Amino acid sequence: MQNPRGKHANEIISPYLQKKALEFITEHSKNQVKKLKAENIELK
């Protein structure tokens, strides 16, 4: 992720925040997949 504007435009945002955002998105995706699989089993 990069800053879109301002004096720090095109500079990388904190690597720590990038890592945390990626972890959040990954975990959220995994949880959604588990929920959908459970729902599919219930519907069968």
PDB file of N, CA and C in Angstrom:
ATOM      1  N   MET A   1       0.847  -1.175   0.000  1.00  0.00           N
ATOM      2  CA  MET A   1       0.000   0.000   0.000  1.00  0.00           C
ATOM      3  C   MET A   1       0.890   1.234   0.000  1.00  0.00           C
ATOM      4  N   GLN A   2       0.429   2.229  -0.718  1.00  0.00           N
ATOM      5  CA  GLN A   2       1.194   3.459  -0.800  1.00  0.00           C
ATOM      6  C   GLN A   2       0.284   4.639  -0.486  1.00  0.00           C
ATOM      7  N   ASN A   3       0.894   5.705   0.043  1.00  0.00           N
ATOM      8  CA  ASN A   3       0.140   6.929   0.284  1.00  0.00           C
ATOM      9  C   ASN A   3      -0.297   7.501  -1.053  1.00  0.00           C
ATOM     10  N   PRO A   4      -1.587   7.824  -1.223  1.00  0.00           N
ATOM     11  CA  PRO A   4      -2.066   8.296  -2.510  1.00  0.00           C
ATOM     12  C   PRO A   4      -1.754   9.772  -2.796  1.00  0.00           C
ATOM     13  N   ARG A   5      -1.569  10.591  -1.748  1.00  0.00           N
ATOM     14  CA  ARG A   5      -1.344  12.015  -1.992  1.00  0.00           C
ATOM     15  C   ARG A   5      -0.584  12.646  -0.843  1.00  0.00           C
ATOM     16  N   GLY A   6      -0.320  13.919  -0.971  1.00  0.00           N
ATOM     17  CA  GLY A   6       0.409  14.637   0.057  1.00  0.00           C
ATOM     18  C   GLY A   6       1.906  14.580  -0.173  1.00  0.00           C
ATOM     19  N   LYS A   7       2.655  15.103   0.796  1.00  0.00           N
ATOM     20  CA  LYS A   7       4.102  15.167   0.604  1.00  0.00           C
ATOM     21  C   LYS A   7       4.763  13.785   0.642  1.00  0.00           C
ATOM     22  N   HIS A   8       4.042  12.778   1.134  1.00  0.00           N
ATOM     23  CA  HIS A   8       4.576  11.416   1.163  1.00  0.00           C
ATOM     24  C   HIS A   8       3.925  10.541   0.095  1.00  0.00           C
ATOM     25  N   ALA A   9       3.434  11.167  -0.972  1.00  0.00           N
ATOM     26  CA  ALA A   9       2.769  10.426  -2.050  1.00  0.00           C
ATOM     27  C   ALA A   9       3.719   9.380  -2.623  1.00  0.00           C
ATOM     28  N   ASN A  10       3.160   8.221  -2.898  1.00  0.00           N
ATOM     29  CA  ASN A  10       3.876   7.085  -3.491  1.00  0.00           C
ATOM     30  C   ASN A  10       4.917   6.459  -2.572  1.00  0.00           C
ATOM     31  N   GLU A  11       4.919   6.825  -1.314  1.00  0.00           N
ATOM     32  CA  GLU A  11       5.800   6.158  -0.355  1.00  0.00           C
ATOM     33  C   GLU A  11       5.017   5.021   0.291  1.00  0.00           C
ATOM     34  N   ILE A  12       5.714   3.979   0.647  1.00  0.00           N
ATOM     35  CA  ILE A  12       5.074   2.813   1.250  1.00  0.00           C
ATOM     36  C   ILE A  12       4.577   3.178   2.650  1.00  0.00           C
ATOM     37  N   ILE A  13       3.337   2.814   2.909  1.00  0.00           N
ATOM     38  CA  ILE A  13       2.770   2.980   4.239  1.00  0.00           C
ATOM     39  C   ILE A  13       3.439   1.952   5.148  1.00  0.00           C
ATOM     40  N   SER A  14       3.410   2.170   6.408  1.00  0.00           N
ATOM     41  CA  SER A  14       4.054   1.317   7.401  1.00  0.00           C
ATOM     42  C   SER A  14       3.964  -0.167   7.048  1.00  0.00           C
ATOM     43  N   PRO A  15       5.114  -0.851   6.925  1.00  0.00           N
ATOM     44  CA  PRO A  15       5.105  -2.292   6.653  1.00  0.00           C
ATOM     45  C   PRO A  15       4.333  -3.066   7.725  1.00  0.00           C
ATOM     46  N   TYR A  16       4.379  -2.576   8.959  1.00  0.00           N
ATOM     47  CA  TYR A  16       3.641  -3.221  10.051  1.00  0.00           C
ATOM     48  C   TYR A  16       2.142  -3.183   9.757  1.00  0.00           C
ATOM     49  N   LEU A  17       1.644  -2.011   9.345  1.00  0.00           N
ATOM     50  CA  LEU A  17       0.223  -1.888   9.043  1.00  0.00           C
ATOM     51  C   LEU A  17      -0.157  -2.714   7.826  1.00  0.00           C
ATOM     52  N   GLN A  18       0.733  -2.790   6.847  1.00  0.00           N
ATOM     53  CA  GLN A  18       0.469  -3.625   5.680  1.00  0.00           C
ATOM     54  C   GLN A  18       0.312  -5.080   6.087  1.00  0.00           C
ATOM     55  N   LYS A  19       1.204  -5.549   6.953  1.00  0.00           N
ATOM     56  CA  LYS A  19       1.159  -6.940   7.406  1.00  0.00           C
ATOM     57  C   LYS A  19      -0.126  -7.215   8.176  1.00  0.00           C
ATOM     58  N   LYS A  20      -0.501  -6.293   9.065  1.00  0.00           N
ATOM     59  CA  LYS A  20      -1.717  -6.468   9.854  1.00  0.00           C
ATOM     60  C   LYS A  20      -2.954  -6.479   8.959  1.00  0.00           C
ATOM     61  N   ALA A  21      -2.995  -5.613   7.957  1.00  0.00           N
ATOM     62  CA  ALA A  21      -4.133  -5.569   7.037  1.00  0.00           C
ATOM     63  C   ALA A  21      -4.235  -6.875   6.259  1.00  0.00           C
ATOM     64  N   LEU A  22      -3.103  -7.372   5.791  1.00  0.00           N
ATOM     65  CA  LEU A  22      -3.094  -8.630   5.053  1.00  0.00           C
ATOM     66  C   LEU A  22      -3.562  -9.788   5.927  1.00  0.00           C
ATOM     67  N   GLU A  23      -3.102  -9.827   7.171  1.00  0.00           N
ATOM     68  CA  GLU A  23      -3.528 -10.886   8.097  1.00  0.00           C
ATOM     69  C   GLU A  23      -5.034 -10.816   8.340  1.00  0.00           C
ATOM     70  N   PHE A  24      -5.563  -9.606   8.511  1.00  0.00           N
ATOM     71  CA  PHE A  24      -6.992  -9.430   8.752  1.00  0.00           C
ATOM     72  C   PHE A  24      -7.801  -9.928   7.559  1.00  0.00           C
ATOM     73  N   ILE A  25      -7.385  -9.535   6.370  1.00  0.00           N
ATOM     74  CA  ILE A  25      -8.111  -9.934   5.160  1.00  0.00           C
ATOM     75  C   ILE A  25      -8.045 -11.439   4.971  1.00  0.00           C
ATOM     76  N   THR A  26      -6.886 -12.026   5.197  1.00  0.00           N
ATOM     77  CA  THR A  26      -6.720 -13.470   5.043  1.00  0.00           C
ATOM     78  C   THR A  26      -7.597 -14.227   6.030  1.00  0.00           C
ATOM     79  N   GLU A  27      -7.577 -13.822   7.285  1.00  0.00           N
ATOM     80  CA  GLU A  27      -8.394 -14.498   8.297  1.00  0.00           C
ATOM     81  C   GLU A  27      -9.876 -14.359   7.988  1.00  0.00           C
ATOM     82  N   HIS A  28     -10.281 -13.161   7.574  1.00  0.00           N
ATOM     83  CA  HIS A  28     -11.686 -12.925   7.264  1.00  0.00           C
ATOM     84  C   HIS A  28     -12.130 -13.824   6.107  1.00  0.00           C
ATOM     85  N   SER A  29     -11.273 -13.972   5.113  1.00  0.00           N
ATOM     86  CA  SER A  29     -11.591 -14.815   3.964  1.00  0.00           C
ATOM     87  C   SER A  29     -11.743 -16.274   4.394  1.00  0.00           C
ATOM     88  N   LYS A  30     -10.827 -16.733   5.233  1.00  0.00           N
ATOM     89  CA  LYS A  30     -10.885 -18.129   5.695  1.00  0.00           C
ATOM     90  C   LYS A  30     -12.167 -18.380   6.478  1.00  0.00           C
ATOM     91  N   ASN A  31     -12.554 -17.418   7.326  1.00  0.00           N
ATOM     92  CA  ASN A  31     -13.769 -17.580   8.108  1.00  0.00           C
ATOM     93  C   ASN A  31     -14.998 -17.609   7.207  1.00  0.00           C
ATOM     94  N   GLN A  32     -15.016 -16.772   6.166  1.00  0.00           N
ATOM     95  CA  GLN A  32     -16.137 -16.762   5.240  1.00  0.00           C
ATOM     96  C   GLN A  32     -16.255 -18.105   4.528  1.00  0.00           C
ATOM     97  N   VAL A  33     -15.137 -18.675   4.113  1.00  0.00           N
ATOM     98  CA  VAL A  33     -15.158 -19.962   3.416  1.00  0.00           C
ATOM     99  C   VAL A  33     -15.730 -21.034   4.340  1.00  0.00           C
ATOM    100  N   LYS A  34     -15.305 -21.044   5.601  1.00  0.00           N
ATOM    101  CA  LYS A  34     -15.812 -22.035   6.553  1.00  0.00           C
ATOM    102  C   LYS A  34     -17.316 -21.889   6.742  1.00  0.00           C
ATOM    103  N   LYS A  35     -17.790 -20.656   6.856  1.00  0.00           N
ATOM    104  CA  LYS A  35     -19.220 -20.418   7.039  1.00  0.00           C
ATOM    105  C   LYS A  35     -20.011 -20.879   5.829  1.00  0.00           C
ATOM    106  N   LEU A  36     -19.507 -20.574   4.639  1.00  0.00           N
ATOM    107  CA  LEU A  36     -20.208 -20.978   3.422  1.00  0.00           C
ATOM    108  C   LEU A  36     -20.230 -22.490   3.261  1.00  0.00           C
ATOM    109  N   LYS A  37     -19.162 -23.163   3.603  1.00  0.00           N
ATOM    110  CA  LYS A  37     -19.134 -24.624   3.528  1.00  0.00           C
ATOM    111  C   LYS A  37     -20.156 -25.223   4.492  1.00  0.00           C
ATOM    112  N   ALA A  38     -20.233 -24.667   5.701  1.00  0.00           N
ATOM    113  CA  ALA A  38     -21.206 -25.150   6.675  1.00  0.00           C
ATOM    114  C   ALA A  38     -22.629 -24.927   6.174  1.00  0.00           C
ATOM    115  N   GLU A  39     -22.878 -23.776   5.578  1.00  0.00           N
ATOM    116  CA  GLU A  39     -24.197 -23.479   5.039  1.00  0.00           C
ATOM    117  C   GLU A  39     -24.558 -24.445   3.913  1.00  0.00           C
ATOM    118  N   ASN A  40     -23.605 -24.730   3.052  1.00  0.00           N
ATOM    119  CA  ASN A  40     -23.855 -25.658   1.946  1.00  0.00           C
ATOM    120  C   ASN A  40     -24.203 -27.033   2.460  1.00  0.00           C
ATOM    121  N   ILE A  41     -23.523 -27.471   3.500  1.00  0.00           N
ATOM    122  CA  ILE A  41     -23.816 -28.791   4.080  1.00  0.00           C
ATOM    123  C   ILE A  41     -25.214 -28.808   4.653  1.00  0.00           C
ATOM    124  N   GLU A  42     -25.611 -27.721   5.331  1.00  0.00           N
ATOM    125  CA  GLU A  42     -26.965 -27.632   5.900  1.00  0.00           C
ATOM    126  C   GLU A  42     -28.035 -27.677   4.814  1.00  0.00           C
ATOM    127  N   LEU A  43     -27.764 -27.054   3.687  1.00  0.00           N
ATOM    128  CA  LEU A  43     -28.757 -26.981   2.624  1.00  0.00           C
ATOM    129  C   LEU A  43     -28.920 -28.294   1.865  1.00  0.00           C
ATOM    130  N   LYS A  44     -27.931 -29.165   1.932  1.00  0.00           N
ATOM    131  CA  LYS A  44     -28.025 -30.437   1.194  1.00  0.00           C
ATOM    132  C   LYS A  44     -28.938 -31.399   1.839  1.00  0.00           C
TER     133      LYS A  44
END
